[in-house]
Amino acid sequence: MKTQHALTIALKDMMSHQPLDTISVLELSKKCGVSRKTFYYHYHDVYDLLTQLFLEEKIPGVQEAENFQTLIELVFKYYKDNEPFINATLQSAGKDLFSEFIYNVFYTSSLRFIKKIDSENILHPNTKKSIARFYAYGYGNSTVYYLSNYKNKTLIGLISSFNFIDAENFKKNVQNAVKLEKKQ
């Protein structure tokens, strides 16, 4: 686990200075002081390592976020704190890994928000998942699109991407779903 962690840290650092597509296993292994054989014992290639990195990556404060506004602010702070690495990811074949990472942040948070609104646990698990998927796709895809395509990225610019959805609409949608399920 120690070697794997060292490799993910080294990859993140290297991607902050050069495109992912130019990073070789040999170069990465040397940076960590391990052999190529050790690298291949754990991973198939650099993209496999990037996958592992995003599986382990966490955005500080996400578990405490109470709403989408706060969540967006935390995601943007994470982006700013890791900007060279994320930009390198977005410009590589690993872009989908970042998209999936962001989707999962919004999906798990959406489920948590829904649970808070549906305190009586009326909603069927599949209904909760459907609502969470809808919001996760909307917020996740819009976030990745903004970070991928806008030159001057600001928190205000990112937030303005979401002017079509607000906390009250989310709450009303969940409450309406609860009412519908109570009727059934």
N, C-alpha and C. Protein backbone atom coordinates (compact mmCIF):
# COMPACT_ATOMS: atom_id res chain seq x y z
N MET A 1 0.83 -1.19 0.00
CA MET A 1 0.00 0.00 0.00
C MET A 1 0.87 1.25 0.00
N LYS A 2 1.99 1.18 0.69
CA LYS A 2 2.91 2.30 0.76
C LYS A 2 3.45 2.65 -0.63
N THR A 3 3.82 1.62 -1.39
CA THR A 3 4.34 1.82 -2.75
C THR A 3 3.26 2.40 -3.64
N GLN A 4 2.06 1.88 -3.53
CA GLN A 4 0.95 2.37 -4.36
C GLN A 4 0.66 3.83 -4.05
N HIS A 5 0.67 4.19 -2.78
CA HIS A 5 0.42 5.58 -2.39
C HIS A 5 1.53 6.48 -2.94
N ALA A 6 2.77 6.03 -2.82
CA ALA A 6 3.90 6.81 -3.33
C ALA A 6 3.77 7.02 -4.85
N LEU A 7 3.32 6.01 -5.55
CA LEU A 7 3.14 6.13 -7.00
C LEU A 7 2.03 7.12 -7.34
N THR A 8 0.93 7.10 -6.59
CA THR A 8 -0.15 8.06 -6.88
C THR A 8 0.29 9.49 -6.59
N ILE A 9 1.05 9.68 -5.53
CA ILE A 9 1.56 11.02 -5.20
C ILE A 9 2.52 11.49 -6.30
N ALA A 10 3.39 10.59 -6.72
CA ALA A 10 4.35 10.95 -7.78
C ALA A 10 3.64 11.27 -9.09
N LEU A 11 2.61 10.50 -9.42
CA LEU A 11 1.87 10.77 -10.66
C LEU A 11 1.20 12.14 -10.58
N LYS A 12 0.58 12.42 -9.48
CA LYS A 12 -0.09 13.71 -9.31
C LYS A 12 0.91 14.86 -9.44
N ASP A 13 2.06 14.69 -8.83
CA ASP A 13 3.09 15.72 -8.92
C ASP A 13 3.61 15.87 -10.34
N MET A 14 3.87 14.77 -11.01
CA MET A 14 4.39 14.83 -12.38
C MET A 14 3.37 15.44 -13.33
N MET A 15 2.09 15.12 -13.12
CA MET A 15 1.05 15.68 -13.99
C MET A 15 0.87 17.18 -13.77
N SER A 16 1.37 17.68 -12.67
CA SER A 16 1.30 19.13 -12.43
C SER A 16 2.33 19.88 -13.28
N HIS A 17 3.24 19.12 -13.89
CA HIS A 17 4.32 19.73 -14.67
C HIS A 17 4.37 19.27 -16.13
N GLN A 18 3.69 18.17 -16.42
CA GLN A 18 3.75 17.66 -17.79
C GLN A 18 2.47 16.88 -18.10
N PRO A 19 2.14 16.77 -19.39
CA PRO A 19 0.93 16.04 -19.78
C PRO A 19 1.01 14.56 -19.41
N LEU A 20 -0.12 14.00 -19.05
CA LEU A 20 -0.18 12.58 -18.68
C LEU A 20 0.37 11.69 -19.78
N ASP A 21 0.05 12.02 -21.01
CA ASP A 21 0.45 11.18 -22.14
C ASP A 21 1.97 11.10 -22.33
N THR A 22 2.72 11.99 -21.69
CA THR A 22 4.19 11.98 -21.82
C THR A 22 4.88 11.31 -20.63
N ILE A 23 4.12 10.90 -19.64
CA ILE A 23 4.72 10.28 -18.44
C ILE A 23 4.89 8.80 -18.69
N SER A 24 6.12 8.34 -18.57
CA SER A 24 6.40 6.92 -18.78
C SER A 24 6.45 6.18 -17.45
N VAL A 25 6.23 4.90 -17.52
CA VAL A 25 6.31 4.05 -16.33
C VAL A 25 7.72 4.09 -15.76
N LEU A 26 8.72 4.10 -16.63
CA LEU A 26 10.12 4.16 -16.18
C LEU A 26 10.38 5.44 -15.40
N GLU A 27 9.96 6.56 -15.95
CA GLU A 27 10.14 7.86 -15.30
C GLU A 27 9.43 7.90 -13.94
N LEU A 28 8.22 7.42 -13.91
CA LEU A 28 7.42 7.39 -12.69
C LEU A 28 8.06 6.48 -11.64
N SER A 29 8.50 5.33 -12.07
CA SER A 29 9.14 4.37 -11.16
C SER A 29 10.41 4.95 -10.55
N LYS A 30 11.22 5.59 -11.40
CA LYS A 30 12.46 6.21 -10.90
C LYS A 30 12.16 7.27 -9.86
N LYS A 31 11.13 8.06 -10.11
CA LYS A 31 10.76 9.14 -9.16
C LYS A 31 10.42 8.56 -7.79
N CYS A 32 9.84 7.36 -7.77
CA CYS A 32 9.45 6.71 -6.50
C CYS A 32 10.53 5.81 -5.93
N GLY A 33 11.58 5.58 -6.71
CA GLY A 33 12.64 4.68 -6.24
C GLY A 33 12.23 3.22 -6.25
N VAL A 34 11.35 2.86 -7.19
CA VAL A 34 10.95 1.46 -7.34
C VAL A 34 11.25 1.02 -8.77
N SER A 35 11.25 -0.26 -8.98
CA SER A 35 11.52 -0.78 -10.32
C SER A 35 10.24 -0.76 -11.17
N ARG A 36 10.43 -0.83 -12.47
CA ARG A 36 9.28 -0.94 -13.37
C ARG A 36 8.49 -2.20 -13.06
N LYS A 37 9.19 -3.24 -12.70
CA LYS A 37 8.55 -4.51 -12.35
C LYS A 37 7.58 -4.32 -11.17
N THR A 38 8.01 -3.53 -10.19
CA THR A 38 7.16 -3.23 -9.03
C THR A 38 5.92 -2.47 -9.48
N PHE A 39 6.12 -1.49 -10.36
CA PHE A 39 4.98 -0.74 -10.89
C PHE A 39 3.99 -1.71 -11.54
N TYR A 40 4.49 -2.57 -12.42
CA TYR A 40 3.61 -3.48 -13.16
C TYR A 40 3.00 -4.57 -12.27
N TYR A 41 3.58 -4.79 -11.12
CA TYR A 41 2.98 -5.71 -10.15
C TYR A 41 1.65 -5.14 -9.65
N HIS A 42 1.58 -3.82 -9.51
CA HIS A 42 0.38 -3.16 -8.99
C HIS A 42 -0.56 -2.64 -10.07
N TYR A 43 -0.01 -2.20 -11.20
CA TYR A 43 -0.82 -1.51 -12.22
C TYR A 43 -0.47 -2.01 -13.62
N HIS A 44 -1.47 -1.89 -14.51
CA HIS A 44 -1.25 -2.28 -15.90
C HIS A 44 -0.53 -1.18 -16.67
N ASP A 45 -0.88 0.07 -16.35
CA ASP A 45 -0.28 1.21 -17.04
C ASP A 45 -0.54 2.48 -16.21
N VAL A 46 -0.12 3.60 -16.74
CA VAL A 46 -0.27 4.87 -16.02
C VAL A 46 -1.74 5.23 -15.83
N TYR A 47 -2.60 4.85 -16.79
CA TYR A 47 -4.03 5.15 -16.67
C TYR A 47 -4.67 4.33 -15.56
N ASP A 48 -4.18 3.13 -15.37
CA ASP A 48 -4.65 2.30 -14.26
C ASP A 48 -4.29 2.96 -12.93
N LEU A 49 -3.10 3.52 -12.85
CA LEU A 49 -2.68 4.26 -11.65
C LEU A 49 -3.54 5.51 -11.45
N LEU A 50 -3.85 6.22 -12.53
CA LEU A 50 -4.70 7.40 -12.43
C LEU A 50 -6.09 7.02 -11.92
N THR A 51 -6.58 5.87 -12.36
CA THR A 51 -7.86 5.37 -11.87
C THR A 51 -7.80 5.16 -10.36
N GLN A 52 -6.74 4.53 -9.90
CA GLN A 52 -6.55 4.30 -8.46
C GLN A 52 -6.49 5.63 -7.71
N LEU A 53 -5.80 6.58 -8.28
CA LEU A 53 -5.68 7.90 -7.66
C LEU A 53 -7.07 8.50 -7.42
N PHE A 54 -7.92 8.47 -8.44
CA PHE A 54 -9.25 9.07 -8.29
C PHE A 54 -10.17 8.24 -7.40
N LEU A 55 -9.91 6.95 -7.28
CA LEU A 55 -10.70 6.14 -6.34
C LEU A 55 -10.37 6.52 -4.90
N GLU A 56 -9.14 6.92 -4.65
CA GLU A 56 -8.71 7.28 -3.30
C GLU A 56 -8.87 8.76 -2.99
N GLU A 57 -9.00 9.58 -4.01
CA GLU A 57 -9.03 11.04 -3.84
C GLU A 57 -10.27 11.48 -3.07
N LYS A 58 -10.09 12.44 -2.22
CA LYS A 58 -11.20 13.01 -1.43
C LYS A 58 -11.15 14.53 -1.54
N ILE A 59 -12.32 15.14 -1.51
CA ILE A 59 -12.42 16.59 -1.48
C ILE A 59 -12.75 16.97 -0.04
N PRO A 60 -11.84 17.68 0.63
CA PRO A 60 -12.07 18.03 2.04
C PRO A 60 -13.39 18.79 2.23
N GLY A 61 -14.11 18.39 3.27
CA GLY A 61 -15.33 19.09 3.65
C GLY A 61 -16.60 18.61 2.99
N VAL A 62 -16.50 17.76 1.99
CA VAL A 62 -17.68 17.32 1.24
C VAL A 62 -18.70 16.62 2.14
N GLN A 63 -18.23 15.83 3.07
CA GLN A 63 -19.15 15.09 3.95
C GLN A 63 -19.96 16.01 4.85
N GLU A 64 -19.45 17.21 5.08
CA GLU A 64 -20.14 18.16 5.95
C GLU A 64 -21.01 19.15 5.16
N ALA A 65 -20.89 19.16 3.85
CA ALA A 65 -21.66 20.11 3.03
C ALA A 65 -23.15 19.89 3.24
N GLU A 66 -23.86 20.99 3.43
CA GLU A 66 -25.30 20.93 3.71
C GLU A 66 -26.16 21.16 2.47
N ASN A 67 -25.55 21.68 1.39
CA ASN A 67 -26.32 22.02 0.20
C ASN A 67 -25.41 22.08 -1.02
N PHE A 68 -26.03 22.24 -2.19
CA PHE A 68 -25.26 22.25 -3.43
C PHE A 68 -24.34 23.47 -3.53
N GLN A 69 -24.77 24.60 -3.00
CA GLN A 69 -23.93 25.82 -3.03
C GLN A 69 -22.59 25.54 -2.36
N THR A 70 -22.65 24.99 -1.15
CA THR A 70 -21.42 24.68 -0.41
C THR A 70 -20.61 23.62 -1.15
N LEU A 71 -21.29 22.65 -1.69
CA LEU A 71 -20.62 21.58 -2.42
C LEU A 71 -19.86 22.14 -3.63
N ILE A 72 -20.48 23.02 -4.37
CA ILE A 72 -19.83 23.64 -5.52
C ILE A 72 -18.60 24.44 -5.07
N GLU A 73 -18.73 25.15 -3.98
CA GLU A 73 -17.60 25.92 -3.45
C GLU A 73 -16.44 24.99 -3.08
N LEU A 74 -16.75 23.86 -2.47
CA LEU A 74 -15.71 22.90 -2.09
C LEU A 74 -15.05 22.26 -3.33
N VAL A 75 -15.85 21.93 -4.32
CA VAL A 75 -15.31 21.36 -5.56
C VAL A 75 -14.39 22.39 -6.24
N PHE A 76 -14.80 23.63 -6.26
CA PHE A 76 -13.97 24.66 -6.89
C PHE A 76 -12.67 24.86 -6.11
N LYS A 77 -12.74 24.86 -4.79
CA LYS A 77 -11.53 24.99 -3.98
C LYS A 77 -10.59 23.82 -4.26
N TYR A 78 -11.14 22.61 -4.35
CA TYR A 78 -10.34 21.43 -4.70
C TYR A 78 -9.67 21.65 -6.05
N TYR A 79 -10.43 22.17 -7.00
CA TYR A 79 -9.87 22.43 -8.33
C TYR A 79 -8.70 23.42 -8.22
N LYS A 80 -8.92 24.54 -7.52
CA LYS A 80 -7.86 25.55 -7.41
C LYS A 80 -6.62 24.99 -6.71
N ASP A 81 -6.84 24.16 -5.69
CA ASP A 81 -5.71 23.57 -4.95
C ASP A 81 -4.94 22.56 -5.80
N ASN A 82 -5.57 22.01 -6.83
CA ASN A 82 -4.97 20.97 -7.67
C ASN A 82 -5.02 21.33 -9.16
N GLU A 83 -5.07 22.60 -9.45
CA GLU A 83 -5.32 23.08 -10.81
C GLU A 83 -4.41 22.48 -11.88
N PRO A 84 -3.08 22.49 -11.71
CA PRO A 84 -2.24 21.93 -12.78
C PRO A 84 -2.52 20.44 -13.03
N PHE A 85 -2.70 19.69 -11.95
CA PHE A 85 -2.99 18.25 -12.07
C PHE A 85 -4.33 18.02 -12.76
N ILE A 86 -5.36 18.74 -12.34
CA ILE A 86 -6.68 18.54 -12.93
C ILE A 86 -6.69 18.99 -14.39
N ASN A 87 -6.06 20.11 -14.69
CA ASN A 87 -6.01 20.55 -16.08
C ASN A 87 -5.30 19.52 -16.95
N ALA A 88 -4.22 18.93 -16.44
CA ALA A 88 -3.52 17.89 -17.19
C ALA A 88 -4.42 16.67 -17.40
N THR A 89 -5.21 16.35 -16.39
CA THR A 89 -6.15 15.23 -16.51
C THR A 89 -7.21 15.54 -17.55
N LEU A 90 -7.75 16.75 -17.50
CA LEU A 90 -8.81 17.14 -18.44
C LEU A 90 -8.32 17.19 -19.89
N GLN A 91 -7.02 17.34 -20.08
CA GLN A 91 -6.46 17.40 -21.43
C GLN A 91 -5.89 16.06 -21.87
N SER A 92 -6.24 15.00 -21.15
CA SER A 92 -5.71 13.68 -21.46
C SER A 92 -6.85 12.68 -21.69
N ALA A 93 -6.45 11.48 -22.01
CA ALA A 93 -7.43 10.40 -22.17
C ALA A 93 -8.04 10.01 -20.83
N GLY A 94 -7.50 10.54 -19.74
CA GLY A 94 -8.04 10.27 -18.40
C GLY A 94 -9.16 11.21 -17.99
N LYS A 95 -9.61 12.05 -18.91
CA LYS A 95 -10.66 13.03 -18.59
C LYS A 95 -11.90 12.36 -17.99
N ASP A 96 -12.27 11.21 -18.53
CA ASP A 96 -13.46 10.51 -18.03
C ASP A 96 -13.31 10.09 -16.57
N LEU A 97 -12.09 9.83 -16.14
CA LEU A 97 -11.86 9.45 -14.75
C LEU A 97 -12.17 10.62 -13.82
N PHE A 98 -11.77 11.82 -14.23
CA PHE A 98 -12.10 13.00 -13.44
C PHE A 98 -13.60 13.25 -13.45
N SER A 99 -14.23 13.09 -14.61
CA SER A 99 -15.68 13.27 -14.72
C SER A 99 -16.41 12.31 -13.78
N GLU A 100 -15.98 11.08 -13.75
CA GLU A 100 -16.61 10.09 -12.88
C GLU A 100 -16.38 10.43 -11.40
N PHE A 101 -15.20 10.92 -11.09
CA PHE A 101 -14.88 11.33 -9.72
C PHE A 101 -15.84 12.45 -9.28
N ILE A 102 -16.00 13.47 -10.12
CA ILE A 102 -16.88 14.59 -9.79
C ILE A 102 -18.33 14.12 -9.72
N TYR A 103 -18.74 13.27 -10.66
CA TYR A 103 -20.10 12.72 -10.62
C TYR A 103 -20.34 12.04 -9.28
N ASN A 104 -19.41 11.22 -8.83
CA ASN A 104 -19.58 10.50 -7.56
C ASN A 104 -19.67 11.43 -6.37
N VAL A 105 -18.92 12.53 -6.40
CA VAL A 105 -19.01 13.52 -5.32
C VAL A 105 -20.44 14.07 -5.25
N PHE A 106 -20.99 14.45 -6.41
CA PHE A 106 -22.35 15.00 -6.43
C PHE A 106 -23.40 13.93 -6.15
N TYR A 107 -23.17 12.71 -6.60
CA TYR A 107 -24.15 11.63 -6.39
C TYR A 107 -24.26 11.28 -4.91
N THR A 108 -23.14 11.03 -4.27
CA THR A 108 -23.19 10.65 -2.85
C THR A 108 -23.72 11.80 -1.99
N SER A 109 -23.36 13.02 -2.36
CA SER A 109 -23.88 14.18 -1.62
C SER A 109 -25.37 14.34 -1.84
N SER A 110 -25.83 14.14 -3.07
CA SER A 110 -27.27 14.22 -3.37
C SER A 110 -28.04 13.20 -2.53
N LEU A 111 -27.54 11.99 -2.45
CA LEU A 111 -28.20 10.97 -1.62
C LEU A 111 -28.29 11.42 -0.16
N ARG A 112 -27.22 12.03 0.32
CA ARG A 112 -27.20 12.53 1.70
C ARG A 112 -28.21 13.65 1.89
N PHE A 113 -28.30 14.56 0.92
CA PHE A 113 -29.26 15.65 0.99
C PHE A 113 -30.70 15.11 0.97
N ILE A 114 -30.92 14.12 0.12
CA ILE A 114 -32.26 13.51 0.01
C ILE A 114 -32.64 12.86 1.33
N LYS A 115 -31.72 12.15 1.91
CA LYS A 115 -31.98 11.47 3.19
C LYS A 115 -32.41 12.48 4.26
N LYS A 116 -31.78 13.63 4.25
CA LYS A 116 -32.12 14.68 5.22
C LYS A 116 -33.54 15.20 4.99
N ILE A 117 -33.91 15.41 3.73
CA ILE A 117 -35.25 15.91 3.40
C ILE A 117 -36.31 14.84 3.65
N ASP A 118 -35.99 13.61 3.27
CA ASP A 118 -36.91 12.48 3.45
C ASP A 118 -36.62 11.82 4.80
N SER A 119 -36.78 12.56 5.86
CA SER A 119 -36.41 12.09 7.21
C SER A 119 -37.24 10.88 7.66
N GLU A 120 -38.44 10.73 7.10
CA GLU A 120 -39.27 9.58 7.46
C GLU A 120 -38.95 8.35 6.62
N ASN A 121 -38.03 8.48 5.70
CA ASN A 121 -37.58 7.39 4.84
C ASN A 121 -38.74 6.78 4.03
N ILE A 122 -39.54 7.65 3.44
CA ILE A 122 -40.69 7.24 2.63
C ILE A 122 -40.26 6.79 1.24
N LEU A 123 -39.30 7.49 0.68
CA LEU A 123 -38.90 7.22 -0.70
C LEU A 123 -38.29 5.84 -0.86
N HIS A 124 -38.66 5.20 -1.93
CA HIS A 124 -38.06 3.91 -2.30
C HIS A 124 -36.59 4.16 -2.65
N PRO A 125 -35.71 3.25 -2.33
CA PRO A 125 -34.28 3.43 -2.66
C PRO A 125 -34.03 3.77 -4.14
N ASN A 126 -34.79 3.15 -5.03
CA ASN A 126 -34.61 3.43 -6.46
C ASN A 126 -35.02 4.86 -6.81
N THR A 127 -36.03 5.38 -6.14
CA THR A 127 -36.43 6.77 -6.37
C THR A 127 -35.34 7.71 -5.90
N LYS A 128 -34.78 7.43 -4.73
CA LYS A 128 -33.67 8.24 -4.23
C LYS A 128 -32.51 8.23 -5.21
N LYS A 129 -32.19 7.07 -5.71
CA LYS A 129 -31.07 6.94 -6.66
C LYS A 129 -31.36 7.69 -7.95
N SER A 130 -32.60 7.63 -8.42
CA SER A 130 -32.96 8.35 -9.65
C SER A 130 -32.81 9.86 -9.49
N ILE A 131 -33.29 10.37 -8.38
CA ILE A 131 -33.17 11.80 -8.12
C ILE A 131 -31.69 12.18 -8.00
N ALA A 132 -30.93 11.38 -7.25
CA ALA A 132 -29.50 11.66 -7.05
C ALA A 132 -28.75 11.61 -8.38
N ARG A 133 -29.07 10.64 -9.24
CA ARG A 133 -28.42 10.56 -10.55
C ARG A 133 -28.70 11.79 -11.39
N PHE A 134 -29.96 12.24 -11.38
CA PHE A 134 -30.35 13.42 -12.15
C PHE A 134 -29.52 14.63 -11.74
N TYR A 135 -29.44 14.88 -10.44
CA TYR A 135 -28.69 16.05 -9.96
C TYR A 135 -27.19 15.86 -10.13
N ALA A 136 -26.71 14.65 -9.92
CA ALA A 136 -25.28 14.40 -10.08
C ALA A 136 -24.84 14.60 -11.53
N TYR A 137 -25.66 14.15 -12.48
CA TYR A 137 -25.32 14.37 -13.89
C TYR A 137 -25.34 15.86 -14.21
N GLY A 138 -26.35 16.55 -13.75
CA GLY A 138 -26.45 17.98 -14.03
C GLY A 138 -25.29 18.76 -13.45
N TYR A 139 -25.06 18.59 -12.17
CA TYR A 139 -23.98 19.33 -11.53
C TYR A 139 -22.60 18.82 -11.98
N GLY A 140 -22.45 17.53 -12.04
CA GLY A 140 -21.15 16.96 -12.42
C GLY A 140 -20.74 17.33 -13.83
N ASN A 141 -21.65 17.11 -14.79
CA ASN A 141 -21.31 17.43 -16.18
C ASN A 141 -21.09 18.92 -16.39
N SER A 142 -21.91 19.74 -15.75
CA SER A 142 -21.74 21.19 -15.88
C SER A 142 -20.40 21.64 -15.28
N THR A 143 -20.02 21.05 -14.16
CA THR A 143 -18.74 21.38 -13.53
C THR A 143 -17.58 21.01 -14.44
N VAL A 144 -17.58 19.79 -14.94
CA VAL A 144 -16.49 19.34 -15.81
C VAL A 144 -16.45 20.17 -17.09
N TYR A 145 -17.61 20.47 -17.65
CA TYR A 145 -17.66 21.30 -18.86
C TYR A 145 -17.04 22.67 -18.57
N TYR A 146 -17.44 23.28 -17.48
CA TYR A 146 -16.91 24.60 -17.12
C TYR A 146 -15.39 24.54 -16.95
N LEU A 147 -14.90 23.58 -16.17
CA LEU A 147 -13.47 23.47 -15.91
C LEU A 147 -12.68 23.13 -17.17
N SER A 148 -13.30 22.43 -18.09
CA SER A 148 -12.63 22.03 -19.34
C SER A 148 -12.60 23.13 -20.39
N ASN A 149 -13.60 23.98 -20.40
CA ASN A 149 -13.78 24.87 -21.54
C ASN A 149 -13.61 26.36 -21.28
N TYR A 150 -13.65 26.79 -20.05
CA TYR A 150 -13.52 28.21 -19.76
C TYR A 150 -12.07 28.55 -19.43
N LYS A 151 -11.61 29.65 -19.98
CA LYS A 151 -10.22 30.05 -19.75
C LYS A 151 -10.03 30.68 -18.37
N ASN A 152 -10.84 31.65 -18.02
CA ASN A 152 -10.74 32.33 -16.73
C ASN A 152 -11.75 31.73 -15.77
N LYS A 153 -11.31 30.75 -15.02
CA LYS A 153 -12.21 30.03 -14.13
C LYS A 153 -12.31 30.74 -12.79
N THR A 154 -13.53 31.03 -12.39
CA THR A 154 -13.78 31.66 -11.09
C THR A 154 -14.92 30.92 -10.42
N LEU A 155 -15.00 31.06 -9.11
CA LEU A 155 -16.11 30.46 -8.37
C LEU A 155 -17.43 31.05 -8.84
N ILE A 156 -17.47 32.37 -9.03
CA ILE A 156 -18.70 33.02 -9.48
C ILE A 156 -19.10 32.49 -10.87
N GLY A 157 -18.12 32.29 -11.74
CA GLY A 157 -18.40 31.75 -13.06
C GLY A 157 -18.97 30.34 -12.99
N LEU A 158 -18.40 29.51 -12.11
CA LEU A 158 -18.90 28.15 -11.96
C LEU A 158 -20.31 28.17 -11.38
N ILE A 159 -20.52 28.94 -10.35
CA ILE A 159 -21.84 29.01 -9.72
C ILE A 159 -22.89 29.50 -10.71
N SER A 160 -22.53 30.44 -11.55
CA SER A 160 -23.50 30.96 -12.53
C SER A 160 -23.90 29.89 -13.55
N SER A 161 -23.10 28.84 -13.67
CA SER A 161 -23.46 27.72 -14.54
C SER A 161 -24.69 26.97 -14.00
N PHE A 162 -25.00 27.19 -12.73
CA PHE A 162 -26.08 26.46 -12.08
C PHE A 162 -27.26 27.34 -11.73
N ASN A 163 -27.44 28.45 -12.43
CA ASN A 163 -28.53 29.35 -12.09
C ASN A 163 -29.91 28.76 -12.39
N PHE A 164 -29.94 27.60 -13.03
CA PHE A 164 -31.21 26.95 -13.34
C PHE A 164 -31.71 26.07 -12.20
N ILE A 165 -30.90 25.85 -11.21
CA ILE A 165 -31.30 24.98 -10.09
C ILE A 165 -30.94 25.69 -8.79
N ASP A 166 -31.83 25.63 -7.82
CA ASP A 166 -31.50 26.17 -6.51
C ASP A 166 -31.94 25.19 -5.42
N ALA A 167 -31.56 25.49 -4.21
CA ALA A 167 -31.84 24.59 -3.09
C ALA A 167 -33.33 24.37 -2.88
N GLU A 168 -34.12 25.39 -3.06
CA GLU A 168 -35.57 25.25 -2.86
C GLU A 168 -36.19 24.32 -3.91
N ASN A 169 -35.74 24.41 -5.14
CA ASN A 169 -36.25 23.50 -6.18
C ASN A 169 -35.91 22.05 -5.84
N PHE A 170 -34.69 21.83 -5.40
CA PHE A 170 -34.27 20.47 -5.02
C PHE A 170 -35.16 19.94 -3.91
N LYS A 171 -35.34 20.75 -2.88
CA LYS A 171 -36.16 20.34 -1.74
C LYS A 171 -37.60 20.05 -2.19
N LYS A 172 -38.17 20.93 -3.03
CA LYS A 172 -39.53 20.72 -3.54
C LYS A 172 -39.63 19.44 -4.36
N ASN A 173 -38.64 19.17 -5.18
CA ASN A 173 -38.66 17.95 -6.00
C ASN A 173 -38.64 16.70 -5.14
N VAL A 174 -37.81 16.69 -4.11
CA VAL A 174 -37.76 15.54 -3.22
C VAL A 174 -39.07 15.41 -2.45
N GLN A 175 -39.59 16.53 -1.95
CA GLN A 175 -40.86 16.49 -1.22
C GLN A 175 -42.01 16.02 -2.12
N ASN A 176 -42.03 16.43 -3.37
CA ASN A 176 -43.05 15.96 -4.31
C ASN A 176 -42.93 14.47 -4.55
N ALA A 177 -41.72 13.98 -4.64
CA ALA A 177 -41.52 12.53 -4.81
C ALA A 177 -42.03 11.78 -3.58
N VAL A 178 -41.80 12.34 -2.40
CA VAL A 178 -42.30 11.72 -1.15
C VAL A 178 -43.82 11.66 -1.18
N LYS A 179 -44.48 12.77 -1.57
CA LYS A 179 -45.94 12.81 -1.65
C LYS A 179 -46.47 11.76 -2.61
N LEU A 180 -45.82 11.63 -3.77
CA LEU A 180 -46.26 10.64 -4.75
C LEU A 180 -46.13 9.22 -4.21
N GLU A 181 -45.06 8.94 -3.52
CA GLU A 181 -44.87 7.58 -2.99
C GLU A 181 -45.81 7.30 -1.83
N LYS A 182 -46.19 8.32 -1.07
CA LYS A 182 -47.16 8.12 0.01
C LYS A 182 -48.52 7.72 -0.56
N LYS A 183 -48.85 8.24 -1.74
CA LYS A 183 -50.13 7.95 -2.38
C LYS A 183 -50.20 6.51 -2.89
N GLN A 184 -49.06 5.95 -3.21
CA GLN A 184 -49.04 4.60 -3.81
C GLN A 184 -49.24 3.52 -2.81
